[in-house]
Amino acid sequence: MQNKIRLNNFEISNDSPLTIISGPCQLESIDHSLNIAETLMKACSKFDANFIFKGSFDKANRTSMNGKRGLGIEEGLRVMQEVKSNLGCPTITDVHTAEQCSQVAKIVDVLQIPAFLCRQTDLLLAAAKTNAIINIKKGQFLAPWDMHNVLEKVSTSGNNKIMACERGTSFGYNTLVADMRGLPEMARNGIPVIMDATHSVQQPGGNGGSSGGQREFAPVMARCAVSLGIAGVFIECHEDPNNAPSDGPNMIELNRMPDLIKSLMEFDILAKKSPIRI
């Protein structure tokens, strides 16, 4: 039995229409976020995709001290509130400490646990206690079946609104590989599964003082994952990725997103009509 999570006027599950989780890696300003969110929201509405706006108020694990970390929690939450108030779309952001969870959950609909922190028990329990939806990214160091113990930490706290997100596995130096077998493996836990198409093509630390990436392969990862019949795809985007403050090499150009969303929805419809499912 697959768990279905209700959010606003749609359901998130491996059987429901695809949910697109998208936005910039780092929140930059209210106007910037509103522009990106509105573009994505229109495309998702046109092609019948569910939409959650994503943006981070703090990039706490930048490669070097020179990396820009973001707006900070107070200003970042103000941006998220403006997006929700003006556009009415749900939002998701990362939390890095147990203390942040209750404050963020007052504004943001989905709390995201970063991959490097997916086994931090205090963080998971604090996130669970907010009763918000939790999206847990699988650590680059974990096998897909190891996520069962991570998910159990949240569910034993009484919060069953959990999603598991694949974002690639460490493969030698400065490289990740995405094993598509991990998606059905994590789905065995009865939860919605998300594919992070952009971070799975990241090259951690590949540029020396920052991470590299191969954004041209992000749509490939997204289409492969959606063809299995999953709950959602996480795709970061930006109007000018080459000059974005973080993760530019793996973000997709904003003007390419409508066509990609159209393509993904076509794959999603075919996958969810098929008798062969995860």
C-alpha atoms as a PDB file:
ATOM      1  CA  MET A   1       0.000   0.000   0.000  1.00  0.00           C
ATOM      2  CA  GLN A   2       1.461   3.329  -1.081  1.00  0.00           C
ATOM      3  CA  ASN A   3       1.052   6.259   1.291  1.00  0.00           C
ATOM      4  CA  LYS A   4      -0.649   9.323  -0.200  1.00  0.00           C
ATOM      5  CA  ILE A   5       0.212  12.769   1.139  1.00  0.00           C
ATOM      6  CA  ARG A   6      -2.339  15.561   0.805  1.00  0.00           C
ATOM      7  CA  LEU A   7      -0.956  19.040   0.062  1.00  0.00           C
ATOM      8  CA  ASN A   8      -3.228  21.951  -0.824  1.00  0.00           C
ATOM      9  CA  ASN A   9      -5.557  20.619  -3.532  1.00  0.00           C
ATOM     10  CA  PHE A  10      -3.455  17.657  -4.725  1.00  0.00           C
ATOM     11  CA  GLU A  11      -2.025  14.337  -3.588  1.00  0.00           C
ATOM     12  CA  ILE A  12       1.610  13.252  -3.655  1.00  0.00           C
ATOM     13  CA  SER A  13       2.058   9.545  -4.257  1.00  0.00           C
ATOM     14  CA  ASN A  14       3.657   7.152  -6.704  1.00  0.00           C
ATOM     15  CA  ASP A  15       0.186   6.630  -8.210  1.00  0.00           C
ATOM     16  CA  SER A  16      -0.863  10.285  -8.492  1.00  0.00           C
ATOM     17  CA  PRO A  17      -0.041  12.796 -11.249  1.00  0.00           C
ATOM     18  CA  LEU A  18       3.574  13.917 -11.112  1.00  0.00           C
ATOM     19  CA  THR A  19       4.632  16.633  -8.667  1.00  0.00           C
ATOM     20  CA  ILE A  20       7.301  19.066  -9.864  1.00  0.00           C
ATOM     21  CA  ILE A  21       9.502  20.460  -7.081  1.00  0.00           C
ATOM     22  CA  SER A  22      11.413  23.318  -8.636  1.00  0.00           C
ATOM     23  CA  GLY A  23      12.978  26.699  -8.111  1.00  0.00           C
ATOM     24  CA  PRO A  24      16.437  28.204  -7.671  1.00  0.00           C
ATOM     25  CA  CYS A  25      19.109  26.525  -5.596  1.00  0.00           C
ATOM     26  CA  GLN A  26      19.448  29.651  -3.456  1.00  0.00           C
ATOM     27  CA  LEU A  27      16.803  32.256  -2.685  1.00  0.00           C
ATOM     28  CA  GLU A  28      18.027  35.619  -3.978  1.00  0.00           C
ATOM     29  CA  SER A  29      15.174  38.114  -3.540  1.00  0.00           C
ATOM     30  CA  ILE A  30      11.387  38.360  -3.420  1.00  0.00           C
ATOM     31  CA  ASP A  31      11.094  39.567  -7.024  1.00  0.00           C
ATOM     32  CA  HIS A  32      13.475  36.899  -8.316  1.00  0.00           C
ATOM     33  CA  SER A  33      11.602  34.129  -6.519  1.00  0.00           C
ATOM     34  CA  LEU A  34       8.190  35.386  -7.648  1.00  0.00           C
ATOM     35  CA  ASN A  35       9.336  35.505 -11.275  1.00  0.00           C
ATOM     36  CA  ILE A  36      10.662  31.946 -11.227  1.00  0.00           C
ATOM     37  CA  ALA A  37       7.717  30.581  -9.236  1.00  0.00           C
ATOM     38  CA  GLU A  38       5.155  32.208 -11.529  1.00  0.00           C
ATOM     39  CA  THR A  39       6.856  30.843 -14.673  1.00  0.00           C
ATOM     40  CA  LEU A  40       6.964  27.339 -13.217  1.00  0.00           C
ATOM     41  CA  MET A  41       3.443  27.514 -11.843  1.00  0.00           C
ATOM     42  CA  LYS A  42       2.020  28.499 -15.245  1.00  0.00           C
ATOM     43  CA  ALA A  43       3.853  25.644 -16.964  1.00  0.00           C
ATOM     44  CA  CYS A  44       2.731  23.096 -14.373  1.00  0.00           C
ATOM     45  CA  SER A  45      -0.855  24.306 -14.631  1.00  0.00           C
ATOM     46  CA  LYS A  46      -0.769  24.109 -18.436  1.00  0.00           C
ATOM     47  CA  PHE A  47       0.449  20.512 -18.426  1.00  0.00           C
ATOM     48  CA  ASP A  48      -1.502  19.309 -15.343  1.00  0.00           C
ATOM     49  CA  ALA A  49       1.506  18.834 -13.075  1.00  0.00           C
ATOM     50  CA  ASN A  50       1.415  19.517  -9.354  1.00  0.00           C
ATOM     51  CA  PHE A  51       3.900  22.182  -8.243  1.00  0.00           C
ATOM     52  CA  ILE A  52       5.935  22.962  -5.129  1.00  0.00           C
ATOM     53  CA  PHE A  53       8.264  25.983  -5.160  1.00  0.00           C
ATOM     54  CA  LYS A  54      11.767  25.273  -3.865  1.00  0.00           C
ATOM     55  CA  GLY A  55      14.396  27.667  -2.579  1.00  0.00           C
ATOM     56  CA  SER A  56      17.092  27.527   0.123  1.00  0.00           C
ATOM     57  CA  PHE A  57      17.653  30.287   2.672  1.00  0.00           C
ATOM     58  CA  ASP A  58      21.048  28.856   3.664  1.00  0.00           C
ATOM     59  CA  LYS A  59      23.496  26.635   1.788  1.00  0.00           C
ATOM     60  CA  ALA A  60      25.220  25.321   4.873  1.00  0.00           C
ATOM     61  CA  ASN A  61      27.531  22.836   3.142  1.00  0.00           C
ATOM     62  CA  ARG A  62      29.194  24.933   0.436  1.00  0.00           C
ATOM     63  CA  THR A  63      32.473  23.542  -0.887  1.00  0.00           C
ATOM     64  CA  SER A  64      34.577  26.442   0.396  1.00  0.00           C
ATOM     65  CA  MET A  65      34.323  29.475   2.662  1.00  0.00           C
ATOM     66  CA  ASN A  66      34.077  31.638  -0.464  1.00  0.00           C
ATOM     67  CA  GLY A  67      30.709  30.165  -1.448  1.00  0.00           C
ATOM     68  CA  LYS A  68      27.666  32.385  -0.947  1.00  0.00           C
ATOM     69  CA  ARG A  69      25.395  30.848   1.665  1.00  0.00           C
ATOM     70  CA  GLY A  70      22.183  32.758   1.055  1.00  0.00           C
ATOM     71  CA  LEU A  71      19.698  35.207   2.594  1.00  0.00           C
ATOM     72  CA  GLY A  72      19.510  33.631   6.042  1.00  0.00           C
ATOM     73  CA  ILE A  73      16.482  32.206   7.799  1.00  0.00           C
ATOM     74  CA  GLU A  74      14.578  35.433   8.584  1.00  0.00           C
ATOM     75  CA  GLU A  75      14.773  36.959   5.101  1.00  0.00           C
ATOM     76  CA  GLY A  76      14.438  33.565   3.435  1.00  0.00           C
ATOM     77  CA  LEU A  77      11.175  32.836   5.232  1.00  0.00           C
ATOM     78  CA  ARG A  78       9.895  36.287   4.312  1.00  0.00           C
ATOM     79  CA  VAL A  79      10.526  35.440   0.639  1.00  0.00           C
ATOM     80  CA  MET A  80       8.725  32.110   1.011  1.00  0.00           C
ATOM     81  CA  GLN A  81       5.763  33.806   2.652  1.00  0.00           C
ATOM     82  CA  GLU A  82       5.525  36.278  -0.226  1.00  0.00           C
ATOM     83  CA  VAL A  83       5.548  33.468  -2.776  1.00  0.00           C
ATOM     84  CA  LYS A  84       2.759  31.661  -0.923  1.00  0.00           C
ATOM     85  CA  SER A  85       0.700  34.797  -0.402  1.00  0.00           C
ATOM     86  CA  ASN A  86       1.019  36.081  -3.973  1.00  0.00           C
ATOM     87  CA  LEU A  87       0.813  32.833  -5.929  1.00  0.00           C
ATOM     88  CA  GLY A  88      -0.834  30.372  -3.555  1.00  0.00           C
ATOM     89  CA  CYS A  89       1.639  27.583  -4.291  1.00  0.00           C
ATOM     90  CA  PRO A  90       3.137  25.336  -1.586  1.00  0.00           C
ATOM     91  CA  THR A  91       6.817  25.665  -0.734  1.00  0.00           C
ATOM     92  CA  ILE A  92       9.783  23.551   0.340  1.00  0.00           C
ATOM     93  CA  THR A  93      13.130  24.471   1.864  1.00  0.00           C
ATOM     94  CA  ASP A  94      16.081  22.813   3.605  1.00  0.00           C
ATOM     95  CA  VAL A  95      16.539  22.718   7.359  1.00  0.00           C
ATOM     96  CA  HIS A  96      19.973  22.088   8.831  1.00  0.00           C
ATOM     97  CA  THR A  97      19.480  22.141  12.604  1.00  0.00           C
ATOM     98  CA  ALA A  98      16.818  20.881  14.968  1.00  0.00           C
ATOM     99  CA  GLU A  99      16.241  24.439  16.189  1.00  0.00           C
ATOM    100  CA  GLN A 100      15.232  25.646  12.712  1.00  0.00           C
ATOM    101  CA  CYS A 101      12.416  23.131  12.218  1.00  0.00           C
ATOM    102  CA  SER A 102       9.577  24.692  14.213  1.00  0.00           C
ATOM    103  CA  GLN A 103      10.302  28.199  12.887  1.00  0.00           C
ATOM    104  CA  VAL A 104      10.442  27.072   9.259  1.00  0.00           C
ATOM    105  CA  ALA A 105       7.334  24.868   9.533  1.00  0.00           C
ATOM    106  CA  LYS A 106       5.225  27.903  10.458  1.00  0.00           C
ATOM    107  CA  ILE A 107       5.763  29.259   6.921  1.00  0.00           C
ATOM    108  CA  VAL A 108       6.922  26.427   4.651  1.00  0.00           C
ATOM    109  CA  ASP A 109       4.822  23.376   3.741  1.00  0.00           C
ATOM    110  CA  VAL A 110       7.577  20.804   3.251  1.00  0.00           C
ATOM    111  CA  LEU A 111      10.784  20.512   5.273  1.00  0.00           C
ATOM    112  CA  GLN A 112      13.691  19.032   3.339  1.00  0.00           C
ATOM    113  CA  ILE A 113      16.465  17.108   5.061  1.00  0.00           C
ATOM    114  CA  PRO A 114      19.737  17.516   3.131  1.00  0.00           C
ATOM    115  CA  ALA A 115      21.498  14.344   2.018  1.00  0.00           C
ATOM    116  CA  PHE A 116      24.534  14.877   4.244  1.00  0.00           C
ATOM    117  CA  LEU A 117      22.225  15.156   7.280  1.00  0.00           C
ATOM    118  CA  CYS A 118      19.818  12.309   6.562  1.00  0.00           C
ATOM    119  CA  ARG A 119      20.934  10.253   9.578  1.00  0.00           C
ATOM    120  CA  GLN A 120      21.004  13.138  12.074  1.00  0.00           C
ATOM    121  CA  THR A 121      18.511  11.792  14.600  1.00  0.00           C
ATOM    122  CA  ASP A 122      17.828  15.030  16.467  1.00  0.00           C
ATOM    123  CA  LEU A 123      17.145  16.868  13.201  1.00  0.00           C
ATOM    124  CA  LEU A 124      14.808  14.126  11.941  1.00  0.00           C
ATOM    125  CA  LEU A 125      12.867  13.990  15.210  1.00  0.00           C
ATOM    126  CA  ALA A 126      12.521  17.778  15.390  1.00  0.00           C
ATOM    127  CA  ALA A 127      11.263  17.875  11.799  1.00  0.00           C
ATOM    128  CA  ALA A 128       8.808  15.065  12.517  1.00  0.00           C
ATOM    129  CA  LYS A 129       7.367  16.866  15.555  1.00  0.00           C
ATOM    130  CA  THR A 130       6.301  19.829  13.420  1.00  0.00           C
ATOM    131  CA  ASN A 131       3.862  17.502  11.614  1.00  0.00           C
ATOM    132  CA  ALA A 132       4.955  19.078   8.332  1.00  0.00           C
ATOM    133  CA  ILE A 133       5.616  16.985   5.245  1.00  0.00           C
ATOM    134  CA  ILE A 134       9.235  15.789   5.284  1.00  0.00           C
ATOM    135  CA  ASN A 135      11.323  15.173   2.153  1.00  0.00           C
ATOM    136  CA  ILE A 136      14.442  13.237   3.100  1.00  0.00           C
ATOM    137  CA  LYS A 137      17.263  13.134   0.594  1.00  0.00           C
ATOM    138  CA  LYS A 138      19.138   9.840   0.556  1.00  0.00           C
ATOM    139  CA  GLY A 139      22.745  10.371   1.565  1.00  0.00           C
ATOM    140  CA  GLN A 140      25.351   9.948  -1.134  1.00  0.00           C
ATOM    141  CA  PHE A 141      26.945   7.407   1.197  1.00  0.00           C
ATOM    142  CA  LEU A 142      23.844   5.221   1.705  1.00  0.00           C
ATOM    143  CA  ALA A 143      22.446   2.251  -0.165  1.00  0.00           C
ATOM    144  CA  PRO A 144      18.746   2.656  -1.044  1.00  0.00           C
ATOM    145  CA  TRP A 145      17.701  -0.085   1.381  1.00  0.00           C
ATOM    146  CA  ASP A 146      19.489   1.734   4.214  1.00  0.00           C
ATOM    147  CA  MET A 147      16.860   4.481   3.990  1.00  0.00           C
ATOM    148  CA  HIS A 148      14.422   2.229   5.859  1.00  0.00           C
ATOM    149  CA  ASN A 149      16.121   3.092   9.163  1.00  0.00           C
ATOM    150  CA  VAL A 150      16.095   6.803   8.330  1.00  0.00           C
ATOM    151  CA  LEU A 151      12.393   6.772   7.486  1.00  0.00           C
ATOM    152  CA  GLU A 152      11.618   4.823  10.643  1.00  0.00           C
ATOM    153  CA  LYS A 153      13.093   7.572  12.800  1.00  0.00           C
ATOM    154  CA  VAL A 154      10.449   9.953  11.476  1.00  0.00           C
ATOM    155  CA  SER A 155       7.516   7.537  11.346  1.00  0.00           C
ATOM    156  CA  THR A 156       8.017   6.304  14.912  1.00  0.00           C
ATOM    157  CA  SER A 157       7.467   9.914  16.001  1.00  0.00           C
ATOM    158  CA  GLY A 158       3.937   9.700  14.596  1.00  0.00           C
ATOM    159  CA  ASN A 159       4.557  11.623  11.375  1.00  0.00           C
ATOM    160  CA  ASN A 160       3.862   9.502   8.307  1.00  0.00           C
ATOM    161  CA  LYS A 161       4.014  12.380   5.821  1.00  0.00           C
ATOM    162  CA  ILE A 162       7.405  11.312   4.523  1.00  0.00           C
ATOM    163  CA  MET A 163       8.993  11.324   1.072  1.00  0.00           C
ATOM    164  CA  ALA A 164      12.347   9.805   0.100  1.00  0.00           C
ATOM    165  CA  CYS A 165      14.496  11.527  -2.511  1.00  0.00           C
ATOM    166  CA  GLU A 166      17.222   9.968  -4.661  1.00  0.00           C
ATOM    167  CA  ARG A 167      20.062  12.382  -5.482  1.00  0.00           C
ATOM    168  CA  GLY A 168      22.872  10.098  -6.576  1.00  0.00           C
ATOM    169  CA  THR A 169      25.558   8.025  -4.900  1.00  0.00           C
ATOM    170  CA  SER A 170      29.257   8.813  -4.516  1.00  0.00           C
ATOM    171  CA  PHE A 171      31.239   7.136  -7.280  1.00  0.00           C
ATOM    172  CA  GLY A 172      34.924   7.795  -6.863  1.00  0.00           C
ATOM    173  CA  TYR A 173      36.212  11.356  -6.623  1.00  0.00           C
ATOM    174  CA  ASN A 174      34.039  14.366  -7.630  1.00  0.00           C
ATOM    175  CA  THR A 175      31.447  12.096  -9.239  1.00  0.00           C
ATOM    176  CA  LEU A 176      27.965  10.791  -8.533  1.00  0.00           C
ATOM    177  CA  VAL A 177      26.042   7.994 -10.206  1.00  0.00           C
ATOM    178  CA  ALA A 178      22.271   7.533 -10.110  1.00  0.00           C
ATOM    179  CA  ASP A 179      21.160   3.916  -9.834  1.00  0.00           C
ATOM    180  CA  MET A 180      17.535   3.802 -10.982  1.00  0.00           C
ATOM    181  CA  ARG A 181      17.022   0.589  -9.001  1.00  0.00           C
ATOM    182  CA  GLY A 182      17.096   2.788  -5.910  1.00  0.00           C
ATOM    183  CA  LEU A 183      13.712   4.321  -6.733  1.00  0.00           C
ATOM    184  CA  PRO A 184      11.661   1.098  -6.592  1.00  0.00           C
ATOM    185  CA  GLU A 185      13.819  -0.046  -3.690  1.00  0.00           C
ATOM    186  CA  MET A 186      12.851   2.999  -1.601  1.00  0.00           C
ATOM    187  CA  ALA A 187       9.233   2.740  -2.783  1.00  0.00           C
ATOM    188  CA  ARG A 188       9.034  -0.625  -0.997  1.00  0.00           C
ATOM    189  CA  ASN A 189       8.719   1.396   2.198  1.00  0.00           C
ATOM    190  CA  GLY A 190       5.257   2.488   1.036  1.00  0.00           C
ATOM    191  CA  ILE A 191       6.175   6.159   0.619  1.00  0.00           C
ATOM    192  CA  PRO A 192       6.249   8.666  -2.259  1.00  0.00           C
ATOM    193  CA  VAL A 193       9.590   8.661  -4.052  1.00  0.00           C
ATOM    194  CA  ILE A 194      11.199  11.780  -5.547  1.00  0.00           C
ATOM    195  CA  MET A 195      14.042  11.978  -8.062  1.00  0.00           C
ATOM    196  CA  ASP A 196      16.476  14.871  -7.719  1.00  0.00           C
ATOM    197  CA  ALA A 197      17.446  15.229 -11.362  1.00  0.00           C
ATOM    198  CA  THR A 198      19.794  18.181 -10.969  1.00  0.00           C
ATOM    199  CA  HIS A 199      21.880  17.213  -7.942  1.00  0.00           C
ATOM    200  CA  SER A 200      22.328  13.717  -9.362  1.00  0.00           C
ATOM    201  CA  VAL A 201      24.426  15.254 -12.155  1.00  0.00           C
ATOM    202  CA  GLN A 202      26.459  17.357  -9.736  1.00  0.00           C
ATOM    203  CA  GLN A 203      30.239  16.919  -9.570  1.00  0.00           C
ATOM    204  CA  PRO A 204      30.910  17.576  -5.853  1.00  0.00           C
ATOM    205  CA  GLY A 205      33.905  19.842  -5.420  1.00  0.00           C
ATOM    206  CA  GLY A 206      34.663  19.304  -9.107  1.00  0.00           C
ATOM    207  CA  ASN A 207      35.654  22.931  -9.736  1.00  0.00           C
ATOM    208  CA  GLY A 208      38.101  23.083  -6.854  1.00  0.00           C
ATOM    209  CA  GLY A 209      36.443  25.795  -4.759  1.00  0.00           C
ATOM    210  CA  SER A 210      32.928  24.854  -5.876  1.00  0.00           C
ATOM    211  CA  SER A 211      30.965  21.944  -7.310  1.00  0.00           C
ATOM    212  CA  GLY A 212      30.747  21.285 -11.017  1.00  0.00           C
ATOM    213  CA  GLY A 213      27.941  19.597 -12.883  1.00  0.00           C
ATOM    214  CA  GLN A 214      26.575  18.329 -16.179  1.00  0.00           C
ATOM    215  CA  ARG A 215      23.222  20.052 -16.556  1.00  0.00           C
ATOM    216  CA  GLU A 216      22.747  18.591 -20.031  1.00  0.00           C
ATOM    217  CA  PHE A 217      22.091  15.218 -18.400  1.00  0.00           C
ATOM    218  CA  ALA A 218      19.541  16.447 -15.839  1.00  0.00           C
ATOM    219  CA  PRO A 219      16.570  16.056 -18.248  1.00  0.00           C
ATOM    220  CA  VAL A 220      17.814  12.550 -19.036  1.00  0.00           C
ATOM    221  CA  MET A 221      17.782  11.637 -15.346  1.00  0.00           C
ATOM    222  CA  ALA A 222      14.328  13.131 -14.942  1.00  0.00           C
ATOM    223  CA  ARG A 223      12.842  11.237 -17.878  1.00  0.00           C
ATOM    224  CA  CYS A 224      14.423   7.942 -16.794  1.00  0.00           C
ATOM    225  CA  ALA A 225      12.998   8.293 -13.302  1.00  0.00           C
ATOM    226  CA  VAL A 226       9.520   9.417 -14.370  1.00  0.00           C
ATOM    227  CA  SER A 227       9.262   6.462 -16.743  1.00  0.00           C
ATOM    228  CA  LEU A 228       9.183   4.227 -13.658  1.00  0.00           C
ATOM    229  CA  GLY A 229       6.059   5.907 -12.278  1.00  0.00           C
ATOM    230  CA  ILE A 230       7.251   7.934  -9.280  1.00  0.00           C
ATOM    231  CA  ALA A 231       5.685  10.658  -7.143  1.00  0.00           C
ATOM    232  CA  GLY A 232       7.776  13.629  -8.155  1.00  0.00           C
ATOM    233  CA  VAL A 233      10.874  15.188  -9.658  1.00  0.00           C
ATOM    234  CA  PHE A 234      13.095  17.769  -7.996  1.00  0.00           C
ATOM    235  CA  ILE A 235      14.666  20.095 -10.581  1.00  0.00           C
ATOM    236  CA  GLU A 236      16.516  23.295  -9.753  1.00  0.00           C
ATOM    237  CA  CYS A 237      16.396  26.059 -12.346  1.00  0.00           C
ATOM    238  CA  HIS A 238      17.549  29.626 -12.903  1.00  0.00           C
ATOM    239  CA  GLU A 239      17.200  32.229 -15.644  1.00  0.00           C
ATOM    240  CA  ASP A 240      21.007  32.506 -15.849  1.00  0.00           C
ATOM    241  CA  PRO A 241      22.576  29.393 -14.301  1.00  0.00           C
ATOM    242  CA  ASN A 242      26.132  30.324 -15.241  1.00  0.00           C
ATOM    243  CA  ASN A 243      25.883  33.367 -12.981  1.00  0.00           C
ATOM    244  CA  ALA A 244      23.792  31.849 -10.185  1.00  0.00           C
ATOM    245  CA  PRO A 245      25.222  32.084  -6.656  1.00  0.00           C
ATOM    246  CA  SER A 246      25.258  28.298  -6.186  1.00  0.00           C
ATOM    247  CA  ASP A 247      24.900  25.034  -8.128  1.00  0.00           C
ATOM    248  CA  GLY A 248      24.787  26.776 -11.500  1.00  0.00           C
ATOM    249  CA  PRO A 249      26.484  23.922 -13.405  1.00  0.00           C
ATOM    250  CA  ASN A 250      23.605  21.534 -12.707  1.00  0.00           C
ATOM    251  CA  MET A 251      20.626  23.907 -12.827  1.00  0.00           C
ATOM    252  CA  ILE A 252      18.403  24.000 -15.914  1.00  0.00           C
ATOM    253  CA  GLU A 253      17.700  27.278 -17.729  1.00  0.00           C
ATOM    254  CA  LEU A 254      14.297  28.612 -16.694  1.00  0.00           C
ATOM    255  CA  ASN A 255      13.165  29.119 -20.300  1.00  0.00           C
ATOM    256  CA  ARG A 256      13.651  25.380 -20.940  1.00  0.00           C
ATOM    257  CA  MET A 257      11.448  24.285 -18.063  1.00  0.00           C
ATOM    258  CA  PRO A 258       8.007  24.463 -19.761  1.00  0.00           C
ATOM    259  CA  ASP A 259       9.072  22.066 -22.534  1.00  0.00           C
ATOM    260  CA  LEU A 260      10.715  19.751 -20.015  1.00  0.00           C
ATOM    261  CA  ILE A 261       7.612  19.714 -17.807  1.00  0.00           C
ATOM    262  CA  LYS A 262       5.490  18.898 -20.859  1.00  0.00           C
ATOM    263  CA  SER A 263       7.794  16.002 -21.717  1.00  0.00           C
ATOM    264  CA  LEU A 264       7.829  14.692 -18.151  1.00  0.00           C
ATOM    265  CA  MET A 265       4.048  14.716 -17.931  1.00  0.00           C
ATOM    266  CA  GLU A 266       3.841  12.673 -21.124  1.00  0.00           C
ATOM    267  CA  PHE A 267       6.214  10.118 -19.600  1.00  0.00           C
ATOM    268  CA  ASP A 268       4.243  10.198 -16.351  1.00  0.00           C
ATOM    269  CA  ILE A 269       0.929   9.435 -18.059  1.00  0.00           C
ATOM    270  CA  LEU A 270       2.437   6.487 -19.918  1.00  0.00           C
ATOM    271  CA  ALA A 271       4.162   5.118 -16.829  1.00  0.00           C
ATOM    272  CA  LYS A 272       1.083   5.274 -14.633  1.00  0.00           C
ATOM    273  CA  LYS A 273      -1.059   3.543 -17.253  1.00  0.00           C
ATOM    274  CA  SER A 274       1.424   0.685 -17.456  1.00  0.00           C
ATOM    275  CA  PRO A 275       0.858  -2.543 -15.503  1.00  0.00           C
ATOM    276  CA  ILE A 276       4.609  -2.625 -14.827  1.00  0.00           C
ATOM    277  CA  ARG A 277       5.104  -0.298 -11.876  1.00  0.00           C
ATOM    278  CA  ILE A 278       7.566   0.248  -9.074  1.00  0.00           C
END
